Amino acid sequence: MPAPDTCLNLVMPSALAGDVVDLLLDHAELQISFASFPVSAHGADVALVEPSEHVSGQASRIQIQLLLRREDAETVLGHLKAQLPNPMVFYWSMPILSSGRLG
């Protein structure tokens, strides 16, 4: 399998994370790898949903990072947009210059 050349990042409220993970796992044929972790989102474009977020001025979110081929990233985004068209899911992609294992 060719090495991944793209890192696709998805950031969403935790209430949506389970649905997104389920949709990602539906694409086993793409052999994608991903990690998820909690993050704090800040800025004018960040919708504060929970009362505690209004108090703290930051939003609790889940970030999912996928390492995959660029064409697979486009496929995943198309699938997510079709199955879960939600403006609360923010994404961006970045090129991977290198990847591998240390051992």
C-alpha atoms as a PDB file:
ATOM      1  CA  MET A   1       0.000   0.000   0.000  1.00  0.00           C
ATOM      2  CA  PRO A   2       1.346   3.469  -0.856  1.00  0.00           C
ATOM      3  CA  ALA A   3       2.382   5.700   2.042  1.00  0.00           C
ATOM      4  CA  PRO A   4      -0.127   8.330   3.155  1.00  0.00           C
ATOM      5  CA  ASP A   5       0.529  11.786   1.721  1.00  0.00           C
ATOM      6  CA  THR A   6      -2.269  13.759   3.423  1.00  0.00           C
ATOM      7  CA  CYS A   7      -3.322  14.489   6.985  1.00  0.00           C
ATOM      8  CA  LEU A   8      -7.057  15.243   7.132  1.00  0.00           C
ATOM      9  CA  ASN A   9      -8.163  16.966  10.337  1.00  0.00           C
ATOM     10  CA  LEU A  10     -11.778  17.028  11.503  1.00  0.00           C
ATOM     11  CA  VAL A  11     -12.920  19.061  14.522  1.00  0.00           C
ATOM     12  CA  MET A  12     -16.418  18.670  15.948  1.00  0.00           C
ATOM     13  CA  PRO A  13     -18.505  18.777  19.121  1.00  0.00           C
ATOM     14  CA  SER A  14     -18.115  15.565  21.104  1.00  0.00           C
ATOM     15  CA  ALA A  15     -21.780  14.720  20.482  1.00  0.00           C
ATOM     16  CA  LEU A  16     -20.958  14.231  16.775  1.00  0.00           C
ATOM     17  CA  ALA A  17     -17.697  12.315  17.208  1.00  0.00           C
ATOM     18  CA  GLY A  18     -19.297   8.871  17.519  1.00  0.00           C
ATOM     19  CA  ASP A  19     -21.248   9.340  14.293  1.00  0.00           C
ATOM     20  CA  VAL A  20     -18.144  10.548  12.449  1.00  0.00           C
ATOM     21  CA  VAL A  21     -16.056   7.615  13.714  1.00  0.00           C
ATOM     22  CA  ASP A  22     -18.776   5.184  12.632  1.00  0.00           C
ATOM     23  CA  LEU A  23     -18.825   6.719   9.141  1.00  0.00           C
ATOM     24  CA  LEU A  24     -15.028   6.534   8.928  1.00  0.00           C
ATOM     25  CA  LEU A  25     -15.021   2.886   9.946  1.00  0.00           C
ATOM     26  CA  ASP A  26     -17.529   2.201   7.151  1.00  0.00           C
ATOM     27  CA  HIS A  27     -14.635   2.834   4.737  1.00  0.00           C
ATOM     28  CA  ALA A  28     -12.470  -0.146   5.684  1.00  0.00           C
ATOM     29  CA  GLU A  29     -11.526  -0.521   2.013  1.00  0.00           C
ATOM     30  CA  LEU A  30      -9.527   2.725   2.227  1.00  0.00           C
ATOM     31  CA  GLN A  31      -7.284   1.335   4.972  1.00  0.00           C
ATOM     32  CA  ILE A  32      -7.201   4.667   6.776  1.00  0.00           C
ATOM     33  CA  SER A  33      -5.577   5.243  10.132  1.00  0.00           C
ATOM     34  CA  PHE A  34      -6.842   7.873  12.499  1.00  0.00           C
ATOM     35  CA  ALA A  35      -6.559   9.177  16.027  1.00  0.00           C
ATOM     36  CA  SER A  36      -9.025  11.202  18.056  1.00  0.00           C
ATOM     37  CA  PHE A  37      -8.434  13.453  21.028  1.00  0.00           C
ATOM     38  CA  PRO A  38     -10.073  16.323  22.943  1.00  0.00           C
ATOM     39  CA  VAL A  39      -9.139  19.880  21.981  1.00  0.00           C
ATOM     40  CA  SER A  40     -10.203  23.384  22.977  1.00  0.00           C
ATOM     41  CA  ALA A  41     -11.391  25.573  20.116  1.00  0.00           C
ATOM     42  CA  HIS A  42     -10.985  29.350  20.240  1.00  0.00           C
ATOM     43  CA  GLY A  43     -11.806  32.265  17.960  1.00  0.00           C
ATOM     44  CA  ALA A  44     -14.535  34.293  16.331  1.00  0.00           C
ATOM     45  CA  ASP A  45     -15.647  31.418  14.062  1.00  0.00           C
ATOM     46  CA  VAL A  46     -16.110  28.975  16.947  1.00  0.00           C
ATOM     47  CA  ALA A  47     -19.733  28.456  17.987  1.00  0.00           C
ATOM     48  CA  LEU A  48     -20.006  28.272  21.764  1.00  0.00           C
ATOM     49  CA  VAL A  49     -22.777  25.766  22.485  1.00  0.00           C
ATOM     50  CA  GLU A  50     -22.718  24.809  26.159  1.00  0.00           C
ATOM     51  CA  PRO A  51     -23.226  27.377  28.952  1.00  0.00           C
ATOM     52  CA  SER A  52     -19.797  26.473  30.350  1.00  0.00           C
ATOM     53  CA  GLU A  53     -18.265  27.340  26.972  1.00  0.00           C
ATOM     54  CA  HIS A  54     -19.746  30.840  27.148  1.00  0.00           C
ATOM     55  CA  VAL A  55     -18.193  31.287  30.577  1.00  0.00           C
ATOM     56  CA  SER A  56     -14.747  29.985  29.604  1.00  0.00           C
ATOM     57  CA  GLY A  57     -14.710  31.525  26.111  1.00  0.00           C
ATOM     58  CA  GLN A  58     -13.593  28.261  24.531  1.00  0.00           C
ATOM     59  CA  ALA A  59     -15.375  25.285  23.064  1.00  0.00           C
ATOM     60  CA  SER A  60     -14.694  21.653  23.947  1.00  0.00           C
ATOM     61  CA  ARG A  61     -14.273  19.685  20.748  1.00  0.00           C
ATOM     62  CA  ILE A  62     -12.966  16.374  19.466  1.00  0.00           C
ATOM     63  CA  GLN A  63     -10.294  16.370  16.774  1.00  0.00           C
ATOM     64  CA  ILE A  64      -9.811  13.406  14.487  1.00  0.00           C
ATOM     65  CA  GLN A  65      -6.620  13.180  12.433  1.00  0.00           C
ATOM     66  CA  LEU A  66      -6.533  10.797   9.495  1.00  0.00           C
ATOM     67  CA  LEU A  67      -3.419   9.757   7.588  1.00  0.00           C
ATOM     68  CA  LEU A  68      -4.341   8.722   4.066  1.00  0.00           C
ATOM     69  CA  ARG A  69      -3.805   9.280   0.368  1.00  0.00           C
ATOM     70  CA  ARG A  70      -5.090  12.593  -1.010  1.00  0.00           C
ATOM     71  CA  GLU A  71      -7.653  10.914  -3.266  1.00  0.00           C
ATOM     72  CA  ASP A  72      -8.926   8.914  -0.292  1.00  0.00           C
ATOM     73  CA  ALA A  73      -9.229  12.142   1.725  1.00  0.00           C
ATOM     74  CA  GLU A  74     -11.497  13.535  -1.004  1.00  0.00           C
ATOM     75  CA  THR A  75     -13.557  10.329  -0.933  1.00  0.00           C
ATOM     76  CA  VAL A  76     -13.894  10.480   2.867  1.00  0.00           C
ATOM     77  CA  LEU A  77     -14.914  14.157   2.773  1.00  0.00           C
ATOM     78  CA  GLY A  78     -17.503  13.458   0.094  1.00  0.00           C
ATOM     79  CA  HIS A  79     -18.929  10.586   2.135  1.00  0.00           C
ATOM     80  CA  LEU A  80     -19.056  12.677   5.317  1.00  0.00           C
ATOM     81  CA  LYS A  81     -20.663  15.636   3.514  1.00  0.00           C
ATOM     82  CA  ALA A  82     -23.320  13.339   2.053  1.00  0.00           C
ATOM     83  CA  GLN A  83     -24.027  11.350   5.227  1.00  0.00           C
ATOM     84  CA  LEU A  84     -23.506  14.038   7.890  1.00  0.00           C
ATOM     85  CA  PRO A  85     -23.858  17.526   6.371  1.00  0.00           C
ATOM     86  CA  ASN A  86     -23.225  19.457   9.579  1.00  0.00           C
ATOM     87  CA  PRO A  87     -21.638  22.929   9.735  1.00  0.00           C
ATOM     88  CA  MET A  88     -20.303  22.092  13.220  1.00  0.00           C
ATOM     89  CA  VAL A  89     -17.727  19.746  11.631  1.00  0.00           C
ATOM     90  CA  PHE A  90     -14.716  21.799  10.528  1.00  0.00           C
ATOM     91  CA  TYR A  91     -11.954  20.256   8.427  1.00  0.00           C
ATOM     92  CA  TRP A  92      -8.611  21.028   6.851  1.00  0.00           C
ATOM     93  CA  SER A  93      -5.936  18.950   5.174  1.00  0.00           C
ATOM     94  CA  MET A  94      -2.153  19.168   5.113  1.00  0.00           C
ATOM     95  CA  PRO A  95       0.500  17.391   3.081  1.00  0.00           C
ATOM     96  CA  ILE A  96       2.614  14.777   4.841  1.00  0.00           C
ATOM     97  CA  LEU A  97       6.267  15.209   3.957  1.00  0.00           C
ATOM     98  CA  SER A  98       7.304  11.909   5.499  1.00  0.00           C
ATOM     99  CA  SER A  99       5.939   9.165   7.711  1.00  0.00           C
ATOM    100  CA  GLY A 100       7.025   5.777   8.926  1.00  0.00           C
ATOM    101  CA  ARG A 101       7.974   3.693  11.930  1.00  0.00           C
ATOM    102  CA  LEU A 102      11.076   4.119  14.057  1.00  0.00           C
ATOM    103  CA  GLY A 103      11.732   0.400  14.294  1.00  0.00           C
END
